[in-house]
Each structure stands twice: as C-alpha cells, then as structure tokens.
Amino acid sequence: MFAKRKLYFTECYLAGRKYHEADEVWEQLKVGTQLRLQAEPDNRFDPYAVGVLFHAADSEDYLLGYIPRGENKHLSAFLEMGWTDIFECRISKLDAQAHPENQVLMTIKIKKNQQ
C-alpha cells in the first residue's frame, strides 16, 4: 500500500502573530500542529489575505495571524475557488525567543487527489 503523497507548496512565517490570538493558545501549539487556511477577500488591508486558524482544545477557532503579504496571492485564489481541502498547513518550527514575525514557521503542502 502506498503512503498518501503530498506535494510541497511553500514554507513561510506567520505574519501578524502579535496582533491576533496566538498568545491565547501558545502553549497548545507544537511542531506538527495542523492549521487551517481561510481566504479573506474582504480584508481591508489586503485583498489576498489568507488567515491562519488553529482549532483549540476548547473547540474554538483562533486566528493566529496571516500568510505574509506577497506570498499569499496564489494561495488566496485557490482558496476562493473552493480548493480549501487540498492544502495541509502544519507548524514546522516554533521559537518563542525569536522576533514575533519569526516565531512560527509553517509548511504548506498539497494533498494528493483521492478520486
């Protein structure tokens, strides 16, 4: 049996981490934690904004921050077209001592179509 294959899409740091809800769930975040991506076409700061959400133990979704501006245009387009289930976003590095914009590194992969 073949393992589920995933294609590397991109890797980036979480932008805006100190302005959102990451501090509320920081202790729950670990390397390997899966995150959810959500397009925000009505975002007043960036029409290509892609929010990064964490589903916490209390069953709430927390907005941790965003995919950095300049790295989000193609991802936003896919998400707006309804291709949300093809992406897998996971934390690949955490460093609480780093500058807030470099504390959470994420890897985004494309999951293989299972038709």
PDB file of N, CA and C in Angstrom:
ATOM      1  N   MET A   1       0.840  -1.177   0.000  1.00  0.00           N
ATOM      2  CA  MET A   1       0.000   0.000   0.000  1.00  0.00           C
ATOM      3  C   MET A   1       0.887   1.244   0.000  1.00  0.00           C
ATOM      4  N   PHE A   2       0.523   2.207  -0.801  1.00  0.00           N
ATOM      5  CA  PHE A   2       1.288   3.436  -0.909  1.00  0.00           C
ATOM      6  C   PHE A   2       0.865   4.437   0.152  1.00  0.00           C
ATOM      7  N   ALA A   3       1.812   5.166   0.675  1.00  0.00           N
ATOM      8  CA  ALA A   3       1.508   6.231   1.627  1.00  0.00           C
ATOM      9  C   ALA A   3       0.868   7.387   0.872  1.00  0.00           C
ATOM     10  N   LYS A   4       0.063   8.157   1.559  1.00  0.00           N
ATOM     11  CA  LYS A   4      -0.525   9.339   0.953  1.00  0.00           C
ATOM     12  C   LYS A   4       0.592  10.311   0.618  1.00  0.00           C
ATOM     13  N   ARG A   5       0.641  10.731  -0.621  1.00  0.00           N
ATOM     14  CA  ARG A   5       1.688  11.648  -1.057  1.00  0.00           C
ATOM     15  C   ARG A   5       1.211  13.072  -0.941  1.00  0.00           C
ATOM     16  N   LYS A   6       2.143  13.961  -0.659  1.00  0.00           N
ATOM     17  CA  LYS A   6       1.862  15.381  -0.580  1.00  0.00           C
ATOM     18  C   LYS A   6       2.955  16.111  -1.337  1.00  0.00           C
ATOM     19  N   LEU A   7       2.563  17.150  -2.015  1.00  0.00           N
ATOM     20  CA  LEU A   7       3.484  17.945  -2.800  1.00  0.00           C
ATOM     21  C   LEU A   7       3.765  19.237  -2.053  1.00  0.00           C
ATOM     22  N   TYR A   8       5.035  19.547  -1.886  1.00  0.00           N
ATOM     23  CA  TYR A   8       5.432  20.790  -1.218  1.00  0.00           C
ATOM     24  C   TYR A   8       4.891  21.975  -2.008  1.00  0.00           C
ATOM     25  N   PHE A   9       4.250  22.926  -1.322  1.00  0.00           N
ATOM     26  CA  PHE A   9       3.735  24.141  -1.964  1.00  0.00           C
ATOM     27  C   PHE A   9       4.566  25.349  -1.562  1.00  0.00           C
ATOM     28  N   THR A  10       4.697  25.580  -0.251  1.00  0.00           N
ATOM     29  CA  THR A  10       5.501  26.706   0.216  1.00  0.00           C
ATOM     30  C   THR A  10       5.776  26.574   1.709  1.00  0.00           C
ATOM     31  N   GLU A  11       6.695  27.394   2.159  1.00  0.00           N
ATOM     32  CA  GLU A  11       7.004  27.494   3.577  1.00  0.00           C
ATOM     33  C   GLU A  11       7.123  28.976   3.889  1.00  0.00           C
ATOM     34  N   CYS A  12       6.537  29.407   4.991  1.00  0.00           N
ATOM     35  CA  CYS A  12       6.592  30.823   5.343  1.00  0.00           C
ATOM     36  C   CYS A  12       6.362  30.989   6.849  1.00  0.00           C
ATOM     37  N   TYR A  13       6.737  32.165   7.332  1.00  0.00           N
ATOM     38  CA  TYR A  13       6.482  32.507   8.726  1.00  0.00           C
ATOM     39  C   TYR A  13       5.094  33.122   8.859  1.00  0.00           C
ATOM     40  N   LEU A  14       4.510  32.948  10.016  1.00  0.00           N
ATOM     41  CA  LEU A  14       3.213  33.527  10.340  1.00  0.00           C
ATOM     42  C   LEU A  14       3.363  35.039  10.503  1.00  0.00           C
ATOM     43  N   ALA A  15       2.621  35.792   9.720  1.00  0.00           N
ATOM     44  CA  ALA A  15       2.665  37.253   9.795  1.00  0.00           C
ATOM     45  C   ALA A  15       1.592  37.766  10.750  1.00  0.00           C
ATOM     46  N   GLY A  16       1.894  38.851  11.438  1.00  0.00           N
ATOM     47  CA  GLY A  16       0.917  39.482  12.324  1.00  0.00           C
ATOM     48  C   GLY A  16       0.634  38.710  13.594  1.00  0.00           C
ATOM     49  N   ARG A  17       1.507  37.824  13.962  1.00  0.00           N
ATOM     50  CA  ARG A  17       1.301  36.952  15.129  1.00  0.00           C
ATOM     51  C   ARG A  17       1.005  37.724  16.410  1.00  0.00           C
ATOM     52  N   LYS A  18       1.666  38.841  16.638  1.00  0.00           N
ATOM     53  CA  LYS A  18       1.474  39.569  17.901  1.00  0.00           C
ATOM     54  C   LYS A  18       0.189  40.392  17.929  1.00  0.00           C
ATOM     55  N   TYR A  19      -0.490  40.511  16.800  1.00  0.00           N
ATOM     56  CA  TYR A  19      -1.717  41.309  16.734  1.00  0.00           C
ATOM     57  C   TYR A  19      -2.982  40.477  16.822  1.00  0.00           C
ATOM     58  N   HIS A  20      -2.833  39.161  16.912  1.00  0.00           N
ATOM     59  CA  HIS A  20      -4.011  38.294  16.889  1.00  0.00           C
ATOM     60  C   HIS A  20      -4.035  37.389  18.115  1.00  0.00           C
ATOM     61  N   GLU A  21      -4.570  36.195  18.007  1.00  0.00           N
ATOM     62  CA  GLU A  21      -4.888  35.385  19.182  1.00  0.00           C
ATOM     63  C   GLU A  21      -3.875  34.282  19.508  1.00  0.00           C
ATOM     64  N   ALA A  22      -2.692  34.346  18.946  1.00  0.00           N
ATOM     65  CA  ALA A  22      -1.702  33.284  19.175  1.00  0.00           C
ATOM     66  C   ALA A  22      -1.325  33.152  20.647  1.00  0.00           C
ATOM     67  N   ASP A  23      -1.233  34.263  21.361  1.00  0.00           N
ATOM     68  CA  ASP A  23      -0.861  34.192  22.780  1.00  0.00           C
ATOM     69  C   ASP A  23      -1.866  33.389  23.600  1.00  0.00           C
ATOM     70  N   GLU A  24      -3.128  33.419  23.204  1.00  0.00           N
ATOM     71  CA  GLU A  24      -4.175  32.705  23.955  1.00  0.00           C
ATOM     72  C   GLU A  24      -4.018  31.190  23.884  1.00  0.00           C
ATOM     73  N   VAL A  25      -3.379  30.695  22.831  1.00  0.00           N
ATOM     74  CA  VAL A  25      -3.247  29.243  22.647  1.00  0.00           C
ATOM     75  C   VAL A  25      -1.797  28.804  22.475  1.00  0.00           C
ATOM     76  N   TRP A  26      -0.852  29.690  22.780  1.00  0.00           N
ATOM     77  CA  TRP A  26       0.567  29.414  22.527  1.00  0.00           C
ATOM     78  C   TRP A  26       1.016  28.070  23.098  1.00  0.00           C
ATOM     79  N   GLU A  27       0.581  27.747  24.307  1.00  0.00           N
ATOM     80  CA  GLU A  27       1.005  26.506  24.961  1.00  0.00           C
ATOM     81  C   GLU A  27       0.470  25.262  24.250  1.00  0.00           C
ATOM     82  N   GLN A  28      -0.572  25.404  23.451  1.00  0.00           N
ATOM     83  CA  GLN A  28      -1.137  24.270  22.717  1.00  0.00           C
ATOM     84  C   GLN A  28      -0.460  24.043  21.363  1.00  0.00           C
ATOM     85  N   LEU A  29       0.286  25.025  20.904  1.00  0.00           N
ATOM     86  CA  LEU A  29       0.938  24.916  19.608  1.00  0.00           C
ATOM     87  C   LEU A  29       2.214  24.087  19.713  1.00  0.00           C
ATOM     88  N   LYS A  30       2.387  23.172  18.792  1.00  0.00           N
ATOM     89  CA  LYS A  30       3.551  22.277  18.761  1.00  0.00           C
ATOM     90  C   LYS A  30       3.990  22.108  17.307  1.00  0.00           C
ATOM     91  N   VAL A  31       5.231  21.695  17.100  1.00  0.00           N
ATOM     92  CA  VAL A  31       5.678  21.333  15.762  1.00  0.00           C
ATOM     93  C   VAL A  31       4.801  20.176  15.292  1.00  0.00           C
ATOM     94  N   GLY A  32       4.262  20.288  14.099  1.00  0.00           N
ATOM     95  CA  GLY A  32       3.370  19.272  13.550  1.00  0.00           C
ATOM     96  C   GLY A  32       1.894  19.614  13.689  1.00  0.00           C
ATOM     97  N   THR A  33       1.575  20.613  14.507  1.00  0.00           N
ATOM     98  CA  THR A  33       0.177  21.007  14.678  1.00  0.00           C
ATOM     99  C   THR A  33      -0.404  21.455  13.344  1.00  0.00           C
ATOM    100  N   GLN A  34      -1.583  20.930  13.026  1.00  0.00           N
ATOM    101  CA  GLN A  34      -2.242  21.304  11.779  1.00  0.00           C
ATOM    102  C   GLN A  34      -3.014  22.602  11.976  1.00  0.00           C
ATOM    103  N   LEU A  35      -2.923  23.466  10.981  1.00  0.00           N
ATOM    104  CA  LEU A  35      -3.599  24.753  10.979  1.00  0.00           C
ATOM    105  C   LEU A  35      -4.538  24.807   9.779  1.00  0.00           C
ATOM    106  N   ARG A  36      -5.507  25.697   9.830  1.00  0.00           N
ATOM    107  CA  ARG A  36      -6.466  25.847   8.733  1.00  0.00           C
ATOM    108  C   ARG A  36      -6.261  27.188   8.060  1.00  0.00           C
ATOM    109  N   LEU A  37      -6.368  27.200   6.742  1.00  0.00           N
ATOM    110  CA  LEU A  37      -6.196  28.417   5.959  1.00  0.00           C
ATOM    111  C   LEU A  37      -7.560  28.913   5.495  1.00  0.00           C
ATOM    112  N   GLN A  38      -7.747  30.223   5.555  1.00  0.00           N
ATOM    113  CA  GLN A  38      -9.038  30.794   5.170  1.00  0.00           C
ATOM    114  C   GLN A  38      -8.817  32.102   4.412  1.00  0.00           C
ATOM    115  N   ALA A  39      -9.305  32.153   3.177  1.00  0.00           N
ATOM    116  CA  ALA A  39      -9.203  33.376   2.382  1.00  0.00           C
ATOM    117  C   ALA A  39     -10.096  34.453   2.998  1.00  0.00           C
ATOM    118  N   GLU A  40      -9.612  35.678   2.959  1.00  0.00           N
ATOM    119  CA  GLU A  40     -10.372  36.831   3.450  1.00  0.00           C
ATOM    120  C   GLU A  40     -10.389  37.911   2.363  1.00  0.00           C
ATOM    121  N   PRO A  41     -11.163  37.691   1.289  1.00  0.00           N
ATOM    122  CA  PRO A  41     -11.160  38.648   0.179  1.00  0.00           C
ATOM    123  C   PRO A  41     -11.669  40.037   0.552  1.00  0.00           C
ATOM    124  N   ASP A  42     -12.402  40.154   1.646  1.00  0.00           N
ATOM    125  CA  ASP A  42     -12.920  41.447   2.088  1.00  0.00           C
ATOM    126  C   ASP A  42     -12.027  42.118   3.129  1.00  0.00           C
ATOM    127  N   ASN A  43     -10.832  41.574   3.347  1.00  0.00           N
ATOM    128  CA  ASN A  43      -9.898  42.150   4.313  1.00  0.00           C
ATOM    129  C   ASN A  43      -9.518  43.559   3.859  1.00  0.00           C
ATOM    130  N   ARG A  44      -9.653  44.535   4.739  1.00  0.00           N
ATOM    131  CA  ARG A  44      -9.421  45.929   4.346  1.00  0.00           C
ATOM    132  C   ARG A  44      -7.948  46.273   4.134  1.00  0.00           C
ATOM    133  N   PHE A  45      -7.058  45.439   4.619  1.00  0.00           N
ATOM    134  CA  PHE A  45      -5.630  45.700   4.475  1.00  0.00           C
ATOM    135  C   PHE A  45      -5.009  44.993   3.265  1.00  0.00           C
ATOM    136  N   ASP A  46      -5.588  43.861   2.856  1.00  0.00           N
ATOM    137  CA  ASP A  46      -5.001  43.066   1.778  1.00  0.00           C
ATOM    138  C   ASP A  46      -6.095  42.207   1.134  1.00  0.00           C
ATOM    139  N   PRO A  47      -6.445  42.464  -0.133  1.00  0.00           N
ATOM    140  CA  PRO A  47      -7.500  41.668  -0.781  1.00  0.00           C
ATOM    141  C   PRO A  47      -7.118  40.205  -0.979  1.00  0.00           C
ATOM    142  N   TYR A  48      -5.835  39.877  -0.831  1.00  0.00           N
ATOM    143  CA  TYR A  48      -5.370  38.490  -0.964  1.00  0.00           C
ATOM    144  C   TYR A  48      -5.076  37.862   0.395  1.00  0.00           C
ATOM    145  N   ALA A  49      -5.571  38.451   1.459  1.00  0.00           N
ATOM    146  CA  ALA A  49      -5.290  37.968   2.810  1.00  0.00           C
ATOM    147  C   ALA A  49      -5.751  36.518   2.988  1.00  0.00           C
ATOM    148  N   VAL A  50      -4.881  35.732   3.634  1.00  0.00           N
ATOM    149  CA  VAL A  50      -5.198  34.347   3.991  1.00  0.00           C
ATOM    150  C   VAL A  50      -4.936  34.206   5.484  1.00  0.00           C
ATOM    151  N   GLY A  51      -6.023  34.048   6.238  1.00  0.00           N
ATOM    152  CA  GLY A  51      -5.911  33.865   7.673  1.00  0.00           C
ATOM    153  C   GLY A  51      -5.441  32.462   8.013  1.00  0.00           C
ATOM    154  N   VAL A  52      -4.708  32.352   9.123  1.00  0.00           N
ATOM    155  CA  VAL A  52      -4.224  31.065   9.612  1.00  0.00           C
ATOM    156  C   VAL A  52      -4.915  30.816  10.946  1.00  0.00           C
ATOM    157  N   LEU A  53      -5.709  29.752  11.006  1.00  0.00           N
ATOM    158  CA  LEU A  53      -6.507  29.457  12.188  1.00  0.00           C
ATOM    159  C   LEU A  53      -6.076  28.159  12.853  1.00  0.00           C
ATOM    160  N   PHE A  54      -6.257  28.123  14.163  1.00  0.00           N
ATOM    161  CA  PHE A  54      -5.942  26.946  14.964  1.00  0.00           C
ATOM    162  C   PHE A  54      -7.213  26.523  15.679  1.00  0.00           C
ATOM    163  N   HIS A  55      -7.565  25.236  15.573  1.00  0.00           N
ATOM    164  CA  HIS A  55      -8.724  24.691  16.281  1.00  0.00           C
ATOM    165  C   HIS A  55      -8.234  24.168  17.627  1.00  0.00           C
ATOM    166  N   ALA A  56      -8.557  24.890  18.684  1.00  0.00           N
ATOM    167  CA  ALA A  56      -8.017  24.608  20.017  1.00  0.00           C
ATOM    168  C   ALA A  56      -8.791  23.519  20.749  1.00  0.00           C
ATOM    169  N   ALA A  57      -8.234  23.108  21.868  1.00  0.00           N
ATOM    170  CA  ALA A  57      -8.838  22.075  22.709  1.00  0.00           C
ATOM    171  C   ALA A  57     -10.225  22.481  23.215  1.00  0.00           C
ATOM    172  N   ASP A  58     -10.485  23.791  23.313  1.00  0.00           N
ATOM    173  CA  ASP A  58     -11.798  24.253  23.775  1.00  0.00           C
ATOM    174  C   ASP A  58     -12.818  24.310  22.632  1.00  0.00           C
ATOM    175  N   SER A  59     -12.462  23.723  21.484  1.00  0.00           N
ATOM    176  CA  SER A  59     -13.302  23.654  20.293  1.00  0.00           C
ATOM    177  C   SER A  59     -13.549  24.997  19.624  1.00  0.00           C
ATOM    178  N   GLU A  60     -12.767  25.983  19.969  1.00  0.00           N
ATOM    179  CA  GLU A  60     -12.861  27.296  19.327  1.00  0.00           C
ATOM    180  C   GLU A  60     -11.762  27.409  18.274  1.00  0.00           C
ATOM    181  N   ASP A  61     -12.026  28.216  17.259  1.00  0.00           N
ATOM    182  CA  ASP A  61     -11.013  28.540  16.266  1.00  0.00           C
ATOM    183  C   ASP A  61     -10.381  29.872  16.641  1.00  0.00           C
ATOM    184  N   TYR A  62      -9.060  29.920  16.604  1.00  0.00           N
ATOM    185  CA  TYR A  62      -8.315  31.126  16.951  1.00  0.00           C
ATOM    186  C   TYR A  62      -7.534  31.595  15.728  1.00  0.00           C
ATOM    187  N   LEU A  63      -7.657  32.878  15.412  1.00  0.00           N
ATOM    188  CA  LEU A  63      -6.890  33.466  14.327  1.00  0.00           C
ATOM    189  C   LEU A  63      -5.492  33.754  14.857  1.00  0.00           C
ATOM    190  N   LEU A  64      -4.505  33.021  14.350  1.00  0.00           N
ATOM    191  CA  LEU A  64      -3.127  33.187  14.813  1.00  0.00           C
ATOM    192  C   LEU A  64      -2.425  34.328  14.090  1.00  0.00           C
ATOM    193  N   GLY A  65      -2.784  34.553  12.843  1.00  0.00           N
ATOM    194  CA  GLY A  65      -2.143  35.562  12.009  1.00  0.00           C
ATOM    195  C   GLY A  65      -2.470  35.286  10.563  1.00  0.00           C
ATOM    196  N   TYR A  66      -1.526  35.634   9.680  1.00  0.00           N
ATOM    197  CA  TYR A  66      -1.778  35.545   8.241  1.00  0.00           C
ATOM    198  C   TYR A  66      -0.574  34.996   7.485  1.00  0.00           C
ATOM    199  N   ILE A  67      -0.848  34.499   6.282  1.00  0.00           N
ATOM    200  CA  ILE A  67       0.210  34.205   5.327  1.00  0.00           C
ATOM    201  C   ILE A  67       0.780  35.572   4.941  1.00  0.00           C
ATOM    202  N   PRO A  68       2.089  35.738   4.889  1.00  0.00           N
ATOM    203  CA  PRO A  68       2.669  37.052   4.603  1.00  0.00           C
ATOM    204  C   PRO A  68       2.210  37.635   3.257  1.00  0.00           C
ATOM    205  N   ARG A  69       2.015  38.940   3.262  1.00  0.00           N
ATOM    206  CA  ARG A  69       1.686  39.661   2.029  1.00  0.00           C
ATOM    207  C   ARG A  69       2.814  39.413   1.020  1.00  0.00           C
ATOM    208  N   GLY A  70       2.458  39.224  -0.204  1.00  0.00           N
ATOM    209  CA  GLY A  70       3.445  38.924  -1.233  1.00  0.00           C
ATOM    210  C   GLY A  70       3.639  37.432  -1.443  1.00  0.00           C
ATOM    211  N   GLU A  71       3.228  36.624  -0.470  1.00  0.00           N
ATOM    212  CA  GLU A  71       3.314  35.166  -0.588  1.00  0.00           C
ATOM    213  C   GLU A  71       1.921  34.546  -0.616  1.00  0.00           C
ATOM    214  N   ASN A  72       0.894  35.389  -0.634  1.00  0.00           N
ATOM    215  CA  ASN A  72      -0.458  34.886  -0.439  1.00  0.00           C
ATOM    216  C   ASN A  72      -1.360  34.913  -1.672  1.00  0.00           C
ATOM    217  N   LYS A  73      -0.942  35.566  -2.740  1.00  0.00           N
ATOM    218  CA  LYS A  73      -1.833  35.794  -3.881  1.00  0.00           C
ATOM    219  C   LYS A  73      -2.341  34.492  -4.510  1.00  0.00           C
ATOM    220  N   HIS A  74      -1.452  33.561  -4.834  1.00  0.00           N
ATOM    221  CA  HIS A  74      -1.874  32.308  -5.477  1.00  0.00           C
ATOM    222  C   HIS A  74      -2.673  31.437  -4.514  1.00  0.00           C
ATOM    223  N   LEU A  75      -2.235  31.369  -3.289  1.00  0.00           N
ATOM    224  CA  LEU A  75      -2.938  30.579  -2.284  1.00  0.00           C
ATOM    225  C   LEU A  75      -4.352  31.123  -2.074  1.00  0.00           C
ATOM    226  N   SER A  76      -4.473  32.437  -1.993  1.00  0.00           N
ATOM    227  CA  SER A  76      -5.778  33.076  -1.835  1.00  0.00           C
ATOM    228  C   SER A  76      -6.711  32.719  -2.988  1.00  0.00           C
ATOM    229  N   ALA A  77      -6.185  32.739  -4.205  1.00  0.00           N
ATOM    230  CA  ALA A  77      -7.002  32.415  -5.379  1.00  0.00           C
ATOM    231  C   ALA A  77      -7.528  30.986  -5.306  1.00  0.00           C
ATOM    232  N   PHE A  78      -6.668  30.034  -4.961  1.00  0.00           N
ATOM    233  CA  PHE A  78      -7.120  28.649  -4.820  1.00  0.00           C
ATOM    234  C   PHE A  78      -8.210  28.525  -3.759  1.00  0.00           C
ATOM    235  N   LEU A  79      -8.010  29.154  -2.615  1.00  0.00           N
ATOM    236  CA  LEU A  79      -8.978  29.067  -1.523  1.00  0.00           C
ATOM    237  C   LEU A  79     -10.308  29.694  -1.918  1.00  0.00           C
ATOM    238  N   GLU A  80     -10.273  30.827  -2.603  1.00  0.00           N
ATOM    239  CA  GLU A  80     -11.508  31.483  -3.024  1.00  0.00           C
ATOM    240  C   GLU A  80     -12.274  30.647  -4.042  1.00  0.00           C
ATOM    241  N   MET A  81     -11.572  29.818  -4.820  1.00  0.00           N
ATOM    242  CA  MET A  81     -12.226  28.950  -5.793  1.00  0.00           C
ATOM    243  C   MET A  81     -12.761  27.671  -5.151  1.00  0.00           C
ATOM    244  N   GLY A  82     -12.611  27.545  -3.831  1.00  0.00           N
ATOM    245  CA  GLY A  82     -13.160  26.385  -3.132  1.00  0.00           C
ATOM    246  C   GLY A  82     -12.207  25.218  -2.962  1.00  0.00           C
ATOM    247  N   TRP A  83     -10.928  25.405  -3.233  1.00  0.00           N
ATOM    248  CA  TRP A  83      -9.943  24.330  -3.126  1.00  0.00           C
ATOM    249  C   TRP A  83      -9.334  24.271  -1.719  1.00  0.00           C
ATOM    250  N   THR A  84     -10.145  24.470  -0.707  1.00  0.00           N
ATOM    251  CA  THR A  84      -9.638  24.513   0.669  1.00  0.00           C
ATOM    252  C   THR A  84      -9.132  23.161   1.163  1.00  0.00           C
ATOM    253  N   ASP A  85      -9.729  22.080   0.694  1.00  0.00           N
ATOM    254  CA  ASP A  85      -9.371  20.754   1.204  1.00  0.00           C
ATOM    255  C   ASP A  85      -8.090  20.180   0.608  1.00  0.00           C
ATOM    256  N   ILE A  86      -7.521  20.836  -0.401  1.00  0.00           N
ATOM    257  CA  ILE A  86      -6.311  20.265  -0.995  1.00  0.00           C
ATOM    258  C   ILE A  86      -5.044  20.674  -0.243  1.00  0.00           C
ATOM    259  N   PHE A  87      -5.163  21.687   0.610  1.00  0.00           N
ATOM    260  CA  PHE A  87      -3.979  22.180   1.309  1.00  0.00           C
ATOM    261  C   PHE A  87      -3.887  21.626   2.725  1.00  0.00           C
ATOM    262  N   GLU A  88      -2.667  21.327   3.128  1.00  0.00           N
ATOM    263  CA  GLU A  88      -2.386  20.944   4.506  1.00  0.00           C
ATOM    264  C   GLU A  88      -1.315  21.893   5.023  1.00  0.00           C
ATOM    265  N   CYS A  89      -1.633  22.600   6.080  1.00  0.00           N
ATOM    266  CA  CYS A  89      -0.706  23.555   6.678  1.00  0.00           C
ATOM    267  C   CYS A  89      -0.348  23.061   8.073  1.00  0.00           C
ATOM    268  N   ARG A  90       0.941  22.925   8.338  1.00  0.00           N
ATOM    269  CA  ARG A  90       1.406  22.464   9.647  1.00  0.00           C
ATOM    270  C   ARG A  90       2.537  23.351  10.146  1.00  0.00           C
ATOM    271  N   ILE A  91       2.634  23.446  11.454  1.00  0.00           N
ATOM    272  CA  ILE A  91       3.742  24.175  12.067  1.00  0.00           C
ATOM    273  C   ILE A  91       4.998  23.332  11.884  1.00  0.00           C
ATOM    274  N   SER A  92       6.047  23.935  11.336  1.00  0.00           N
ATOM    275  CA  SER A  92       7.296  23.201  11.151  1.00  0.00           C
ATOM    276  C   SER A  92       8.404  23.682  12.085  1.00  0.00           C
ATOM    277  N   LYS A  93       8.186  24.850  12.718  1.00  0.00           N
ATOM    278  CA  LYS A  93       9.176  25.340  13.683  1.00  0.00           C
ATOM    279  C   LYS A  93       8.512  26.368  14.591  1.00  0.00           C
ATOM    280  N   LEU A  94       8.825  26.301  15.876  1.00  0.00           N
ATOM    281  CA  LEU A  94       8.376  27.278  16.878  1.00  0.00           C
ATOM    282  C   LEU A  94       9.594  27.797  17.615  1.00  0.00           C
ATOM    283  N   ASP A  95       9.656  29.114  17.784  1.00  0.00           N
ATOM    284  CA  ASP A  95      10.771  29.710  18.521  1.00  0.00           C
ATOM    285  C   ASP A  95      10.252  30.931  19.281  1.00  0.00           C
ATOM    286  N   ALA A  96       9.895  30.731  20.533  1.00  0.00           N
ATOM    287  CA  ALA A  96       9.322  31.804  21.356  1.00  0.00           C
ATOM    288  C   ALA A  96      10.305  32.943  21.599  1.00  0.00           C
ATOM    289  N   GLN A  97      11.609  32.707  21.426  1.00  0.00           N
ATOM    290  CA  GLN A  97      12.617  33.739  21.682  1.00  0.00           C
ATOM    291  C   GLN A  97      12.879  34.622  20.456  1.00  0.00           C
ATOM    292  N   ALA A  98      12.403  34.211  19.295  1.00  0.00           N
ATOM    293  CA  ALA A  98      12.639  34.957  18.056  1.00  0.00           C
ATOM    294  C   ALA A  98      11.731  36.187  17.991  1.00  0.00           C
ATOM    295  N   HIS A  99      12.003  37.065  17.043  1.00  0.00           N
ATOM    296  CA  HIS A  99      11.129  38.204  16.756  1.00  0.00           C
ATOM    297  C   HIS A  99       9.737  37.642  16.458  1.00  0.00           C
ATOM    298  N   PRO A 100       8.663  38.308  16.892  1.00  0.00           N
ATOM    299  CA  PRO A 100       7.308  37.768  16.692  1.00  0.00           C
ATOM    300  C   PRO A 100       7.000  37.327  15.257  1.00  0.00           C
ATOM    301  N   GLU A 101       7.555  38.001  14.270  1.00  0.00           N
ATOM    302  CA  GLU A 101       7.296  37.634  12.878  1.00  0.00           C
ATOM    303  C   GLU A 101       8.082  36.400  12.447  1.00  0.00           C
ATOM    304  N   ASN A 102       8.957  35.896  13.313  1.00  0.00           N
ATOM    305  CA  ASN A 102       9.758  34.707  13.003  1.00  0.00           C
ATOM    306  C   ASN A 102       9.577  33.595  14.034  1.00  0.00           C
ATOM    307  N   GLN A 103       8.494  33.640  14.787  1.00  0.00           N
ATOM    308  CA  GLN A 103       8.290  32.643  15.838  1.00  0.00           C
ATOM    309  C   GLN A 103       7.617  31.366  15.349  1.00  0.00           C
ATOM    310  N   VAL A 104       6.771  31.478  14.321  1.00  0.00           N
ATOM    311  CA  VAL A 104       6.022  30.312  13.837  1.00  0.00           C
ATOM    312  C   VAL A 104       6.298  30.124  12.349  1.00  0.00           C
ATOM    313  N   LEU A 105       7.003  29.051  12.019  1.00  0.00           N
ATOM    314  CA  LEU A 105       7.258  28.702  10.628  1.00  0.00           C
ATOM    315  C   LEU A 105       6.253  27.624  10.229  1.00  0.00           C
ATOM    316  N   MET A 106       5.635  27.804   9.058  1.00  0.00           N
ATOM    317  CA  MET A 106       4.616  26.868   8.586  1.00  0.00           C
ATOM    318  C   MET A 106       5.029  26.269   7.249  1.00  0.00           C
ATOM    319  N   THR A 107       4.693  25.009   7.050  1.00  0.00           N
ATOM    320  CA  THR A 107       4.887  24.344   5.772  1.00  0.00           C
ATOM    321  C   THR A 107       3.506  24.030   5.215  1.00  0.00           C
ATOM    322  N   ILE A 108       3.304  24.406   3.955  1.00  0.00           N
ATOM    323  CA  ILE A 108       2.028  24.155   3.291  1.00  0.00           C
ATOM    324  C   ILE A 108       2.278  23.168   2.163  1.00  0.00           C
ATOM    325  N   LYS A 109       1.496  22.101   2.172  1.00  0.00           N
ATOM    326  CA  LYS A 109       1.608  21.066   1.145  1.00  0.00           C
ATOM    327  C   LYS A 109       0.259  20.885   0.459  1.00  0.00           C
ATOM    328  N   ILE A 110       0.317  20.333  -0.743  1.00  0.00           N
ATOM    329  CA  ILE A 110      -0.891  19.981  -1.480  1.00  0.00           C
ATOM    330  C   ILE A 110      -1.080  18.483  -1.335  1.00  0.00           C
ATOM    331  N   LYS A 111      -2.279  18.100  -0.877  1.00  0.00           N
ATOM    332  CA  LYS A 111      -2.579  16.678  -0.706  1.00  0.00           C
ATOM    333  C   LYS A 111      -2.949  16.058  -2.042  1.00  0.00           C
ATOM    334  N   LYS A 112      -2.597  14.809  -2.224  1.00  0.00           N
ATOM    335  CA  LYS A 112      -2.914  14.089  -3.442  1.00  0.00           C
ATOM    336  C   LYS A 112      -4.429  13.884  -3.546  1.00  0.00           C
ATOM    337  N   ASN A 113      -4.950  14.068  -4.746  1.00  0.00           N
ATOM    338  CA  ASN A 113      -6.360  13.843  -5.007  1.00  0.00           C
ATOM    339  C   ASN A 113      -6.663  12.366  -4.821  1.00  0.00           C
ATOM    340  N   GLN A 114      -7.693  12.044  -4.074  1.00  0.00           N
ATOM    341  CA  GLN A 114      -8.030  10.648  -3.763  1.00  0.00           C
ATOM    342  C   GLN A 114      -9.234  10.146  -4.554  1.00  0.00           C
ATOM    343  N   GLN A 115      -9.414  10.616  -5.786  1.00  0.00           N
ATOM    344  CA  GLN A 115     -10.556  10.168  -6.599  1.00  0.00           C
ATOM    345  C   GLN A 115     -10.438   8.731  -6.998  1.00  0.00           C
TER     346      GLN A 115
END
